[in-house]
Amino acid sequence: MKHNYLTFAMIALAVAGCKGEEPDKDIDKIIDLGPGTSSEHPAEYYAGGLLGTTTMVNAYAYQQPTPAVEQAGMGMEFQNGETLFERDYNENSDGAFTGLGPLAVRSGCLYCHPNYGHGKRQERYRASDMGNGYLLVIYDKQTESYIMSVAGMPQTMATKPFKAPIDEAGISPIEWKTYVDEWGNEFPDGEKYELIYPEITISADAYYAPVVVKRNGEMVTIPADIVADEIGVKLESTIGIYGTGLTDAIPEEEITKQWIKESEYYNSIGKTDALNPAYWDQAGMKWTSMYKNTVQGNGTQYVRRYTYALSRGPLMDAAGANAIWNITNVTRSDRRYHYLDLAGTYYAKTAMNDKEVQAEFPEYIDRIDPEKKHPEWHTDDVAQNIYNYLTGKNQDPEMSDQQFKNLMIWHRGLAVPAARNVGTDKFNEGKRLFSELHCDACHRPSWTTGEDHIQDPNLMFSDEDMPRYPGQTIWPYTDFVQHRLHMENDIRTGWCRTTPLWGRGLSKLCTGAEDRLHDCRARNTLEAIMWHGNAKSDARASIEAFRKLTKEQRDAVVFFCESI
């Protein structure tokens, strides 16, 4: 997939994939995007800057390497990393793509990221359904914290003889309910729209281990007959992964400045609770919690910038680096343990006393560890062997360091598609209105990358190991700040990082669906906009102004959002 800059004559061939073609080095010979498009290409055309933009805008747009990958001579490593993303892993102990389990969320990455994009709206939760990017969010309704007896990303897959922590047979179909807003889902000029949201439940008998929560510092087991009342379940879907290397290159101090800027604004209007106090002191305008890794790393603190929950800092230890391990449970040299967290103790205690697991475990562990390098897994006490294996911190690496390096080169090297329709009258009108509506207050259009020295909480990679993007003007349309929209059956805690908008207009072409928002409730851009309209929403004023536009103007805003 070696294509950076394509001439107009090449675009017809691009649909077939264009593998192996030499990139056109003439920066001026960029594809024409149709009548009315400027041939001079304004800066915003290069959504990822000159080092991070692909002009491929067909069904393969999300899969392309950045020009920086080619310039760094990392094309082969990029392709090898791409293979690790695209293949299913298996439970075999030798051969290619091994190491799945003993528990897993998915057997491969493409299940959650269809054609490298956002997950699709679904009618059920099934780990084996391709394109089902949903993750279960299981939490204590009293504290809004994750329950303690299931991992943060709950597993519904297991390799024999083990049993899944959550039995998918006990997960209800996703019920899509209609929501009617205060305006009756209708604009003043009579145009109507629809809004839907999902609800899902998990039966008490679907949990393999006892359901345990932490309340007031104490571990509390929830009786089966009240699990439905005490334990909530929500859905979160994956987002696109292209361009994350570019956002990783934004200096931390610039992101901090954005939080300060928004604090000053909200303080000036008396909205003193607008920013998440778990991470940020709005009055003092400083971080209350930063990201750090004290297990693999040295505890260095980093600004939070990734995931809806802002749970991650630099890309080298963010969702992708973490997911290849915790989604598949494939171990590596820096993660020589299974994705069980504290939940592991509850799961392991249940599994070690499971007679069916005990009966099959000796054959399983002899296959996993034929040379008996781990004698604590092969004693006469089968129950203890099971516990030792599941909770052990010295598992054999199943992914090599070079494989992980290749995966991260690929991850950091995914390009952003060029903006479409730039310079057309409709694009310019939508852009003007987007700003006038103050949508750009949260969906900040552009950022400038810094020197882009690799920050790695894992302490595995340095500058020369990765493609880099110094001094680039990029257009992700996000402020990296958490806001609240107060949607019906909202995201857990209500706080959600502003999702980048770049490239999302190609989602239907690339993935077959254009679903938006954290749980795919918005089936199109207009629905996504109108879900911002709750009376308590941080975007309320913008939506009130959007409603006053003519249909032609509203269409222009949507057109702009789908072009950037």
Protein backbone atom coordinates (compact mmCIF):
# COMPACT_ATOMS: atom_id res chain seq x y z
CA MET A 1 0.00 0.00 0.00
CA LYS A 2 2.74 2.38 -0.99
CA HIS A 3 0.92 5.44 -2.21
CA ASN A 4 1.46 8.94 -0.90
CA TYR A 5 0.75 11.36 -3.70
CA LEU A 6 -1.36 10.27 -6.67
CA THR A 7 -1.95 12.05 -9.92
CA PHE A 8 -5.43 12.47 -11.23
CA ALA A 9 -4.75 9.89 -13.91
CA MET A 10 -3.92 7.32 -11.23
CA ILE A 11 -7.09 7.70 -9.21
CA ALA A 12 -9.05 5.19 -11.30
CA LEU A 13 -6.39 2.61 -10.59
CA ALA A 14 -6.44 3.45 -6.89
CA VAL A 15 -9.78 1.73 -6.44
CA ALA A 16 -8.04 -1.55 -7.08
CA GLY A 17 -5.57 -0.87 -4.28
CA CYS A 18 -2.48 0.42 -6.12
CA LYS A 19 -0.15 -1.91 -4.23
CA GLY A 20 3.45 -1.69 -5.20
CA GLU A 21 3.18 1.55 -7.16
CA GLU A 22 5.88 4.12 -6.72
CA PRO A 23 4.63 7.34 -5.11
CA ASP A 24 4.50 10.42 -7.28
CA LYS A 25 7.11 12.70 -5.73
CA ASP A 26 5.78 15.85 -7.40
CA ILE A 27 3.87 17.58 -4.63
CA ASP A 28 2.05 19.72 -7.17
CA LYS A 29 0.50 16.77 -8.97
CA ILE A 30 -2.25 16.13 -6.47
CA ILE A 31 -5.52 14.59 -7.57
CA ASP A 32 -8.24 16.99 -8.59
CA LEU A 33 -11.33 16.66 -6.47
CA GLY A 34 -13.81 17.91 -9.00
CA PRO A 35 -15.20 21.19 -10.31
CA GLY A 36 -14.82 24.16 -8.05
CA THR A 37 -11.98 22.70 -6.03
CA SER A 38 -8.94 24.90 -5.69
CA SER A 39 -5.90 23.57 -7.52
CA GLU A 40 -3.68 25.41 -5.10
CA HIS A 41 -4.83 23.28 -2.19
CA PRO A 42 -5.31 25.40 0.92
CA ALA A 43 -3.52 24.20 4.03
CA GLU A 44 -6.61 22.45 5.37
CA TYR A 45 -6.59 20.13 2.34
CA TYR A 46 -3.57 18.46 3.94
CA ALA A 47 -5.50 17.29 7.00
CA GLY A 48 -2.41 15.56 8.38
CA GLY A 49 0.12 18.06 7.08
CA LEU A 50 2.54 17.28 4.25
CA LEU A 51 4.08 14.42 6.27
CA GLY A 52 0.82 12.83 7.36
CA THR A 53 -1.75 13.13 4.55
CA THR A 54 -2.75 10.58 1.93
CA THR A 55 -4.55 11.72 -1.21
CA MET A 56 -6.20 8.32 -1.46
CA VAL A 57 -9.87 9.11 -0.83
CA ASN A 58 -11.50 5.83 -1.90
CA ALA A 59 -12.42 2.73 0.09
CA TYR A 60 -8.78 2.20 1.05
CA ALA A 61 -8.30 5.70 2.47
CA TYR A 62 -7.95 4.65 6.11
CA GLN A 63 -5.22 2.09 5.38
CA GLN A 64 -2.51 4.25 3.82
CA PRO A 65 0.98 4.95 5.19
CA THR A 66 2.02 8.52 5.75
CA PRO A 67 4.73 10.09 3.57
CA ALA A 68 6.83 10.09 6.75
CA VAL A 69 6.83 6.28 6.76
CA GLU A 70 8.31 6.16 3.29
CA GLN A 71 10.79 8.94 4.03
CA ALA A 72 12.01 7.04 7.08
CA GLY A 73 12.46 3.85 5.05
CA MET A 74 9.96 1.98 7.22
CA GLY A 75 7.68 0.71 4.48
CA MET A 76 8.43 -2.97 5.12
CA GLU A 77 8.01 -2.62 8.89
CA PHE A 78 4.72 -0.80 8.26
CA GLN A 79 3.44 -3.68 6.13
CA ASN A 80 4.56 -6.26 8.70
CA GLY A 81 2.77 -4.33 11.42
CA GLU A 82 -0.31 -4.11 9.24
CA THR A 83 -0.34 -7.90 9.02
CA LEU A 84 -0.40 -8.18 12.81
CA PHE A 85 -3.45 -5.91 12.83
CA GLU A 86 -5.31 -7.76 10.09
CA ARG A 87 -4.86 -11.40 11.15
CA ASP A 88 -6.78 -13.48 13.66
CA TYR A 89 -4.79 -14.90 16.53
CA ASN A 90 -5.15 -18.52 17.61
CA GLU A 91 -4.63 -20.49 20.80
CA ASN A 92 -1.78 -22.62 19.46
CA SER A 93 1.48 -22.42 21.35
CA ASP A 94 3.65 -22.36 18.24
CA GLY A 95 3.45 -21.11 14.67
CA ALA A 96 2.22 -17.74 13.40
CA PHE A 97 -0.26 -15.48 15.23
CA THR A 98 -0.30 -17.62 18.36
CA GLY A 99 -1.07 -16.86 21.98
CA LEU A 100 -4.80 -16.09 22.01
CA GLY A 101 -6.26 -16.29 25.47
CA PRO A 102 -6.75 -17.96 27.85
CA LEU A 103 -9.37 -15.19 27.91
CA ALA A 104 -10.00 -12.69 25.15
CA VAL A 105 -12.23 -9.81 24.09
CA ARG A 106 -11.64 -10.51 20.38
CA SER A 107 -9.38 -12.80 18.37
CA GLY A 108 -8.21 -9.96 16.12
CA CYS A 109 -8.30 -6.22 15.59
CA LEU A 110 -10.45 -6.00 12.46
CA TYR A 111 -13.48 -7.27 14.35
CA CYS A 112 -13.65 -3.91 16.12
CA HIS A 113 -12.12 -1.73 13.40
CA PRO A 114 -13.81 -2.67 10.11
CA ASN A 115 -11.52 -1.54 7.31
CA TYR A 116 -9.55 0.40 9.94
CA GLY A 117 -12.49 2.62 10.86
CA HIS A 118 -15.16 3.17 13.50
CA GLY A 119 -17.23 0.24 14.74
CA LYS A 120 -20.70 -0.25 13.24
CA ARG A 121 -24.09 -0.06 14.93
CA GLN A 122 -25.22 -3.58 15.87
CA GLU A 123 -28.29 -5.45 17.00
CA ARG A 124 -26.39 -7.71 19.40
CA TYR A 125 -23.08 -8.05 21.18
CA ARG A 126 -21.07 -10.92 19.71
CA ALA A 127 -17.29 -11.04 19.76
CA SER A 128 -17.20 -13.07 16.54
CA ASP A 129 -19.26 -10.61 14.49
CA MET A 130 -17.01 -8.74 12.06
CA GLY A 131 -17.43 -4.99 12.39
CA ASN A 132 -18.83 -5.24 15.91
CA GLY A 133 -16.68 -2.67 17.65
CA TYR A 134 -18.68 -2.68 20.86
CA LEU A 135 -17.03 -3.09 24.22
CA LEU A 136 -19.13 -3.78 27.29
CA VAL A 137 -18.96 -1.19 30.05
CA ILE A 138 -20.08 -2.94 33.24
CA TYR A 139 -20.26 -0.67 36.26
CA ASP A 140 -21.65 -0.15 39.74
CA LYS A 141 -24.66 2.16 39.49
CA GLN A 142 -23.96 3.60 42.94
CA THR A 143 -20.38 4.69 42.27
CA GLU A 144 -20.26 4.70 38.43
CA SER A 145 -17.01 2.74 38.79
CA TYR A 146 -16.18 -0.47 36.95
CA ILE A 147 -17.06 -3.60 38.87
CA MET A 148 -14.06 -5.36 40.41
CA SER A 149 -14.75 -8.95 39.33
CA VAL A 150 -14.65 -8.34 35.58
CA ALA A 151 -11.77 -6.73 33.67
CA GLY A 152 -12.22 -3.14 32.45
CA MET A 153 -12.70 -4.52 28.94
CA PRO A 154 -14.83 -7.56 29.83
CA GLN A 155 -13.94 -10.78 28.01
CA THR A 156 -16.60 -12.96 26.43
CA MET A 157 -14.19 -15.42 24.82
CA ALA A 158 -12.11 -18.18 26.38
CA THR A 159 -9.89 -21.01 25.18
CA LYS A 160 -10.63 -24.47 26.55
CA PRO A 161 -10.70 -25.54 29.31
CA PHE A 162 -11.44 -22.04 30.56
CA LYS A 163 -14.83 -20.37 30.52
CA ALA A 164 -15.59 -16.80 29.54
CA PRO A 165 -16.02 -14.28 32.38
CA ILE A 166 -19.22 -13.16 30.62
CA ASP A 167 -21.36 -15.73 28.81
CA GLU A 168 -22.66 -14.10 25.63
CA ALA A 169 -25.84 -16.20 25.90
CA GLY A 170 -26.77 -14.02 28.88
CA ILE A 171 -26.29 -10.72 27.07
CA SER A 172 -29.58 -9.33 25.80
CA PRO A 173 -30.07 -8.16 22.22
CA ILE A 174 -29.33 -4.46 21.88
CA GLU A 175 -32.62 -2.61 22.11
CA TRP A 176 -32.67 0.55 20.01
CA LYS A 177 -35.11 3.00 21.57
CA THR A 178 -36.54 6.16 20.07
CA TYR A 179 -35.72 9.44 21.75
CA VAL A 180 -37.84 12.55 21.23
CA ASP A 181 -36.11 15.78 22.16
CA GLU A 182 -37.76 18.94 23.49
CA TRP A 183 -38.34 20.16 19.93
CA GLY A 184 -40.20 17.02 18.90
CA ASN A 185 -37.33 16.00 16.56
CA GLU A 186 -38.32 18.76 14.16
CA PHE A 187 -36.69 21.96 12.91
CA PRO A 188 -38.68 25.21 12.77
CA ASP A 189 -39.01 24.86 8.98
CA GLY A 190 -40.68 21.46 9.34
CA GLU A 191 -37.78 19.14 8.51
CA LYS A 192 -37.86 16.10 10.79
CA TYR A 193 -35.09 13.88 12.13
CA GLU A 194 -34.91 10.75 14.26
CA LEU A 195 -32.86 9.97 17.34
CA ILE A 196 -32.23 6.51 18.77
CA TYR A 197 -30.13 5.15 21.62
CA PRO A 198 -29.18 1.64 22.80
CA GLU A 199 -29.98 -0.31 25.94
CA ILE A 200 -28.49 -3.66 26.87
CA THR A 201 -28.56 -5.92 29.92
CA ILE A 202 -26.62 -8.89 31.23
CA SER A 203 -28.35 -11.59 33.26
CA ALA A 204 -26.92 -12.53 36.65
CA ASP A 205 -26.18 -16.09 35.52
CA ALA A 206 -23.98 -14.81 32.68
CA TYR A 207 -21.22 -13.87 35.17
CA TYR A 208 -18.75 -16.69 35.74
CA ALA A 209 -17.32 -15.26 38.96
CA PRO A 210 -19.24 -13.53 41.77
CA VAL A 211 -20.17 -9.92 41.00
CA VAL A 212 -18.02 -7.73 43.25
CA VAL A 213 -17.92 -3.93 43.58
CA LYS A 214 -15.87 -1.54 45.69
CA ARG A 215 -17.86 0.77 47.94
CA ASN A 216 -16.36 2.99 50.64
CA GLY A 217 -13.11 1.08 50.43
CA GLU A 218 -14.79 -2.28 50.96
CA MET A 219 -15.34 -5.16 48.51
CA VAL A 220 -19.05 -5.97 48.30
CA THR A 221 -20.48 -9.06 46.60
CA ILE A 222 -23.79 -8.33 44.87
CA PRO A 223 -26.40 -11.11 45.31
CA ALA A 224 -27.67 -12.55 42.04
CA ASP A 225 -31.26 -11.46 42.68
CA ILE A 226 -30.32 -7.75 42.73
CA VAL A 227 -27.57 -7.70 40.08
CA ALA A 228 -29.97 -6.17 37.56
CA ASP A 229 -30.76 -3.32 39.98
CA GLU A 230 -27.20 -2.65 41.17
CA ILE A 231 -25.09 -3.25 38.05
CA GLY A 232 -25.37 -1.16 34.88
CA VAL A 233 -24.25 -2.01 31.37
CA LYS A 234 -23.42 0.45 28.59
CA LEU A 235 -21.81 0.18 25.18
CA GLU A 236 -18.76 1.92 23.79
CA SER A 237 -17.63 1.46 20.22
CA THR A 238 -14.18 1.81 18.75
CA ILE A 239 -13.11 4.89 16.83
CA GLY A 240 -10.92 5.15 13.75
CA ILE A 241 -7.19 4.72 14.31
CA TYR A 242 -5.74 6.69 11.41
CA GLY A 243 -3.90 9.90 12.27
CA THR A 244 -3.14 9.02 15.89
CA GLY A 245 0.58 9.35 15.24
CA LEU A 246 -0.01 12.95 14.25
CA THR A 247 -2.01 13.83 17.35
CA ASP A 248 0.72 12.13 19.37
CA ALA A 249 3.15 14.72 17.98
CA ILE A 250 1.27 17.68 19.47
CA PRO A 251 3.30 19.12 22.37
CA GLU A 252 1.88 18.46 25.81
CA GLU A 253 2.13 22.11 26.74
CA GLU A 254 -0.17 23.03 23.83
CA ILE A 255 -2.85 20.63 25.04
CA THR A 256 -2.50 22.04 28.54
CA LYS A 257 -2.94 25.55 27.12
CA GLN A 258 -6.23 24.43 25.57
CA TRP A 259 -7.52 23.22 28.93
CA ILE A 260 -6.48 26.55 30.48
CA LYS A 261 -8.21 28.49 27.71
CA GLU A 262 -11.45 26.60 28.22
CA SER A 263 -11.19 26.96 31.99
CA GLU A 264 -10.90 30.71 31.62
CA TYR A 265 -13.98 30.80 29.43
CA TYR A 266 -16.16 28.62 31.62
CA ASN A 267 -15.02 30.44 34.76
CA SER A 268 -15.94 33.75 33.12
CA ILE A 269 -19.53 32.64 32.58
CA GLY A 270 -19.86 31.06 36.01
CA LYS A 271 -19.96 27.45 34.82
CA THR A 272 -17.53 26.18 37.41
CA ASP A 273 -18.14 22.46 36.83
CA ALA A 274 -17.58 22.33 33.07
CA LEU A 275 -14.34 20.30 33.12
CA ASN A 276 -13.79 16.90 34.71
CA PRO A 277 -12.40 17.39 38.24
CA ALA A 278 -11.01 13.86 38.20
CA TYR A 279 -8.36 15.12 35.77
CA TRP A 280 -8.41 18.90 35.91
CA ASP A 281 -8.73 21.66 38.50
CA GLN A 282 -10.85 24.22 36.65
CA ALA A 283 -10.41 26.95 39.27
CA GLY A 284 -6.66 26.41 39.64
CA MET A 285 -6.28 25.60 35.94
CA LYS A 286 -3.94 22.67 36.44
CA TRP A 287 -3.95 18.88 36.12
CA THR A 288 -5.22 16.85 39.06
CA SER A 289 -4.31 13.56 37.41
CA MET A 290 -1.85 12.76 34.64
CA TYR A 291 -1.11 9.49 32.90
CA LYS A 292 1.76 7.37 34.16
CA ASN A 293 2.99 3.81 33.84
CA THR A 294 4.63 2.45 36.96
CA VAL A 295 4.53 -1.21 35.89
CA GLN A 296 6.59 -1.18 32.69
CA GLY A 297 7.79 2.40 32.99
CA ASN A 298 9.37 4.71 35.57
CA GLY A 299 6.24 6.63 36.51
CA THR A 300 6.91 9.69 34.33
CA GLN A 301 3.73 11.74 34.07
CA TYR A 302 2.17 12.62 30.73
CA VAL A 303 -0.79 14.70 29.60
CA ARG A 304 -3.88 12.63 28.90
CA ARG A 305 -5.05 12.72 25.27
CA TYR A 306 -6.50 9.34 24.17
CA THR A 307 -9.75 7.34 24.63
CA TYR A 308 -13.22 8.66 25.43
CA ALA A 309 -12.33 8.46 29.12
CA LEU A 310 -8.92 10.15 28.67
CA SER A 311 -7.44 7.06 30.27
CA ARG A 312 -4.24 7.14 28.19
CA GLY A 313 -1.32 9.45 27.49
CA PRO A 314 1.23 9.02 24.67
CA LEU A 315 0.41 6.72 21.76
CA MET A 316 3.22 4.31 22.61
CA ASP A 317 1.22 3.25 25.66
CA ALA A 318 -2.25 4.23 24.53
CA ALA A 319 -5.19 2.22 23.26
CA GLY A 320 -3.45 0.43 20.36
CA ALA A 321 -0.35 -0.56 22.29
CA ASN A 322 -2.56 -1.78 25.10
CA ALA A 323 -5.30 -3.41 23.00
CA ILE A 324 -3.07 -5.84 21.09
CA TRP A 325 -2.36 -7.31 24.52
CA ASN A 326 -5.58 -6.95 26.49
CA ILE A 327 -8.00 -7.66 23.65
CA THR A 328 -6.26 -10.88 22.59
CA ASN A 329 -4.29 -11.67 25.78
CA VAL A 330 -1.21 -12.20 23.60
CA THR A 331 1.72 -11.62 25.96
CA ARG A 332 4.97 -9.81 25.14
CA SER A 333 8.20 -8.97 26.96
CA ASP A 334 6.74 -5.90 28.67
CA ARG A 335 3.41 -7.61 29.45
CA ARG A 336 4.24 -11.06 30.75
CA TYR A 337 0.87 -11.53 32.39
CA HIS A 338 -2.73 -11.98 31.34
CA TYR A 339 -5.31 -9.25 31.13
CA LEU A 340 -7.06 -10.05 34.37
CA ASP A 341 -6.35 -7.04 36.60
CA LEU A 342 -7.84 -7.41 40.05
CA ALA A 343 -10.60 -9.32 38.33
CA GLY A 344 -8.08 -12.07 37.88
CA THR A 345 -8.16 -13.02 41.51
CA TYR A 346 -11.93 -13.47 41.43
CA TYR A 347 -11.88 -15.25 38.08
CA ALA A 348 -8.90 -17.43 39.02
CA LYS A 349 -10.46 -18.47 42.35
CA THR A 350 -13.61 -19.51 40.52
CA ALA A 351 -11.73 -21.35 37.77
CA MET A 352 -9.38 -23.19 40.14
CA ASN A 353 -12.39 -24.75 41.88
CA ASP A 354 -14.23 -25.60 38.63
CA LYS A 355 -14.16 -29.41 38.27
CA GLU A 356 -14.48 -29.22 34.48
CA VAL A 357 -11.52 -26.85 34.24
CA GLN A 358 -9.52 -29.05 36.62
CA ALA A 359 -10.16 -32.12 34.49
CA GLU A 360 -8.78 -30.59 31.29
CA PHE A 361 -6.11 -28.27 32.65
CA PRO A 362 -3.21 -30.79 32.80
CA GLU A 363 -3.46 -31.47 29.05
CA TYR A 364 -3.75 -27.73 28.36
CA ILE A 365 -0.75 -26.70 30.41
CA ASP A 366 1.42 -29.50 29.01
CA ARG A 367 0.74 -28.08 25.57
CA ILE A 368 1.37 -24.49 26.67
CA ASP A 369 4.53 -25.34 28.63
CA PRO A 370 5.83 -28.70 27.32
CA GLU A 371 9.32 -28.17 28.74
CA LYS A 372 7.89 -27.38 32.17
CA LYS A 373 9.80 -24.10 32.40
CA HIS A 374 7.21 -23.05 34.97
CA PRO A 375 7.15 -25.79 37.61
CA GLU A 376 4.53 -23.89 39.61
CA TRP A 377 2.05 -24.83 36.86
CA HIS A 378 2.77 -28.57 37.07
CA THR A 379 2.51 -29.56 40.74
CA ASP A 380 0.25 -32.28 42.12
CA ASP A 381 -2.25 -29.60 43.19
CA VAL A 382 -4.21 -28.95 39.99
CA ALA A 383 -6.36 -26.23 41.55
CA GLN A 384 -3.31 -24.28 42.67
CA ASN A 385 -1.68 -24.81 39.27
CA ILE A 386 -4.67 -23.15 37.62
CA TYR A 387 -4.47 -20.18 39.95
CA ASN A 388 -0.70 -19.85 39.51
CA TYR A 389 -1.01 -19.90 35.72
CA LEU A 390 -3.82 -17.37 35.48
CA THR A 391 -2.24 -14.89 37.89
CA GLY A 392 1.43 -15.47 37.02
CA LYS A 393 3.60 -12.48 36.13
CA ASN A 394 6.28 -14.39 34.21
CA GLN A 395 4.39 -15.71 31.21
CA ASP A 396 6.46 -16.48 28.13
CA PRO A 397 6.26 -13.69 25.52
CA GLU A 398 4.03 -14.68 22.59
CA MET A 399 4.74 -11.54 20.53
CA SER A 400 8.33 -10.59 19.87
CA ASP A 401 9.72 -7.11 20.51
CA GLN A 402 10.28 -6.69 16.76
CA GLN A 403 6.67 -7.60 16.04
CA PHE A 404 5.48 -5.05 18.58
CA LYS A 405 7.80 -2.46 17.08
CA ASN A 406 6.38 -3.17 13.62
CA LEU A 407 2.84 -2.88 14.94
CA MET A 408 3.57 0.52 16.47
CA ILE A 409 5.32 1.75 13.29
CA TRP A 410 2.14 0.82 11.45
CA HIS A 411 -0.06 2.40 14.12
CA ARG A 412 1.90 5.66 14.21
CA GLY A 413 2.26 5.60 10.45
CA LEU A 414 -1.38 5.58 9.38
CA ALA A 415 -2.16 8.63 7.27
CA VAL A 416 -5.13 10.97 7.40
CA PRO A 417 -7.16 11.28 4.18
CA ALA A 418 -6.96 14.66 2.49
CA ALA A 419 -9.98 16.91 2.98
CA ARG A 420 -12.50 16.77 0.15
CA ASN A 421 -14.33 19.57 -1.65
CA VAL A 422 -11.97 22.21 -0.27
CA GLY A 423 -12.57 25.55 -1.92
CA THR A 424 -16.08 24.83 -3.14
CA ASP A 425 -18.79 27.33 -2.29
CA LYS A 426 -20.67 24.80 -0.17
CA PHE A 427 -17.54 23.85 1.75
CA ASN A 428 -16.70 27.48 2.44
CA GLU A 429 -20.25 28.24 3.56
CA GLY A 430 -20.30 25.24 5.88
CA LYS A 431 -16.92 26.22 7.28
CA ARG A 432 -18.15 29.76 7.96
CA LEU A 433 -21.26 28.54 9.72
CA PHE A 434 -19.29 25.92 11.69
CA SER A 435 -17.27 28.76 13.15
CA GLU A 436 -20.21 31.12 13.65
CA LEU A 437 -22.05 28.39 15.56
CA HIS A 438 -18.95 28.02 17.76
CA CYS A 439 -18.65 24.34 16.94
CA ASP A 440 -14.94 25.04 16.64
CA ALA A 441 -14.76 25.84 20.37
CA CYS A 442 -14.61 22.09 21.11
CA HIS A 443 -13.86 20.77 17.63
CA ARG A 444 -10.78 22.95 17.37
CA PRO A 445 -9.76 22.86 13.71
CA SER A 446 -5.97 22.87 13.66
CA TRP A 447 -2.92 22.18 15.76
CA THR A 448 0.81 22.41 15.10
CA THR A 449 3.05 19.51 15.98
CA GLY A 450 6.29 20.04 17.87
CA GLU A 451 9.72 18.48 17.41
CA ASP A 452 7.97 15.15 17.95
CA HIS A 453 10.35 13.29 20.17
CA ILE A 454 8.86 9.88 20.94
CA GLN A 455 7.31 9.66 24.39
CA ASP A 456 7.06 6.07 25.54
CA PRO A 457 5.85 5.20 29.04
CA ASN A 458 6.81 1.58 28.25
CA LEU A 459 10.46 2.62 27.83
CA MET A 460 10.83 0.50 24.69
CA PHE A 461 11.05 2.97 21.77
CA SER A 462 13.03 6.06 20.80
CA ASP A 463 12.96 8.64 18.00
CA GLU A 464 14.74 6.50 15.43
CA ASP A 465 12.28 3.64 15.92
CA MET A 466 9.18 5.48 14.69
CA PRO A 467 7.94 7.73 11.87
CA ARG A 468 7.83 11.32 13.09
CA TYR A 469 5.91 14.47 12.21
CA PRO A 470 7.77 17.60 13.31
CA GLY A 471 6.43 21.05 12.49
CA GLN A 472 3.20 20.01 10.80
CA THR A 473 -0.05 21.94 10.73
CA ILE A 474 -2.75 19.31 11.15
CA TRP A 475 -6.55 19.52 11.16
CA PRO A 476 -8.09 16.94 13.52
CA TYR A 477 -11.01 19.08 14.76
CA THR A 478 -10.72 18.23 18.43
CA ASP A 479 -9.66 20.04 21.59
CA PHE A 480 -8.62 16.85 23.48
CA VAL A 481 -10.86 18.01 26.31
CA GLN A 482 -13.71 16.11 27.93
CA HIS A 483 -17.21 17.56 27.77
CA ARG A 484 -20.71 16.46 28.71
CA LEU A 485 -23.64 16.26 26.33
CA HIS A 486 -26.12 14.77 28.82
CA MET A 487 -27.51 12.33 26.28
CA GLU A 488 -30.16 9.77 27.14
CA ASN A 489 -28.39 6.66 28.53
CA ASP A 490 -25.15 8.60 28.26
CA ILE A 491 -21.59 7.35 28.32
CA ARG A 492 -20.41 6.15 31.74
CA THR A 493 -19.71 9.19 34.01
CA GLY A 494 -21.06 11.50 31.28
CA TRP A 495 -17.55 12.79 30.46
CA CYS A 496 -16.36 12.17 26.91
CA ARG A 497 -13.29 13.44 25.08
CA THR A 498 -14.08 15.38 21.92
CA THR A 499 -13.68 12.93 19.05
CA PRO A 500 -11.62 14.11 16.03
CA LEU A 501 -13.76 14.74 12.96
CA TRP A 502 -11.09 14.41 10.27
CA GLY A 503 -11.73 11.73 7.69
CA ARG A 504 -15.10 10.69 9.15
CA GLY A 505 -16.94 11.70 6.00
CA LEU A 506 -15.33 8.71 4.28
CA SER A 507 -16.68 6.23 6.80
CA LYS A 508 -19.59 5.02 4.67
CA LEU A 509 -17.26 4.43 1.74
CA CYS A 510 -14.53 2.76 3.79
CA THR A 511 -16.53 0.74 6.33
CA GLY A 512 -20.07 0.52 4.97
CA ALA A 513 -21.53 2.60 7.82
CA GLU A 514 -21.43 6.21 8.91
CA ASP A 515 -22.52 5.66 12.52
CA ARG A 516 -21.18 8.25 14.96
CA LEU A 517 -20.84 8.98 18.68
CA HIS A 518 -19.49 6.69 21.37
CA ASP A 519 -22.10 3.94 20.96
CA CYS A 520 -22.97 4.44 17.28
CA ARG A 521 -26.39 5.87 18.15
CA ALA A 522 -26.10 8.55 15.47
CA ARG A 523 -26.70 7.00 12.06
CA ASN A 524 -25.55 10.09 10.22
CA THR A 525 -23.95 13.47 10.81
CA LEU A 526 -27.22 15.33 11.37
CA GLU A 527 -28.27 12.95 14.14
CA ALA A 528 -24.85 13.33 15.76
CA ILE A 529 -25.27 17.11 15.76
CA MET A 530 -28.73 16.98 17.31
CA TRP A 531 -27.58 14.66 20.10
CA HIS A 532 -25.60 17.71 21.32
CA GLY A 533 -28.80 19.60 22.10
CA ASN A 534 -29.75 18.64 25.65
CA ALA A 535 -30.57 21.67 27.83
CA LYS A 536 -27.56 20.86 30.06
CA SER A 537 -25.19 20.10 27.19
CA ASP A 538 -21.97 22.07 26.79
CA ALA A 539 -22.98 22.52 23.15
CA ARG A 540 -26.53 23.72 23.83
CA ALA A 541 -26.05 27.26 22.49
CA SER A 542 -24.56 25.95 19.26
CA ILE A 543 -27.51 23.64 18.67
CA GLU A 544 -30.02 26.40 19.37
CA ALA A 545 -28.26 28.48 16.72
CA PHE A 546 -28.07 25.52 14.33
CA ARG A 547 -31.83 25.08 14.59
CA LYS A 548 -32.36 28.65 13.39
CA LEU A 549 -30.49 28.05 10.15
CA THR A 550 -32.24 27.39 6.88
CA LYS A 551 -32.23 23.85 5.55
CA GLU A 552 -29.71 24.89 2.94
CA GLN A 553 -27.41 26.24 5.64
CA ARG A 554 -27.80 23.13 7.80
CA ASP A 555 -26.95 21.00 4.79
CA ALA A 556 -23.84 23.11 4.25
CA VAL A 557 -22.67 22.46 7.84
CA VAL A 558 -23.19 18.72 7.36
CA PHE A 559 -21.40 18.87 4.01
CA PHE A 560 -18.45 20.61 5.63
CA CYS A 561 -18.26 18.06 8.48
CA GLU A 562 -18.26 15.23 5.95
CA SER A 563 -15.54 16.87 3.84
CA ILE A 564 -12.85 17.60 6.41
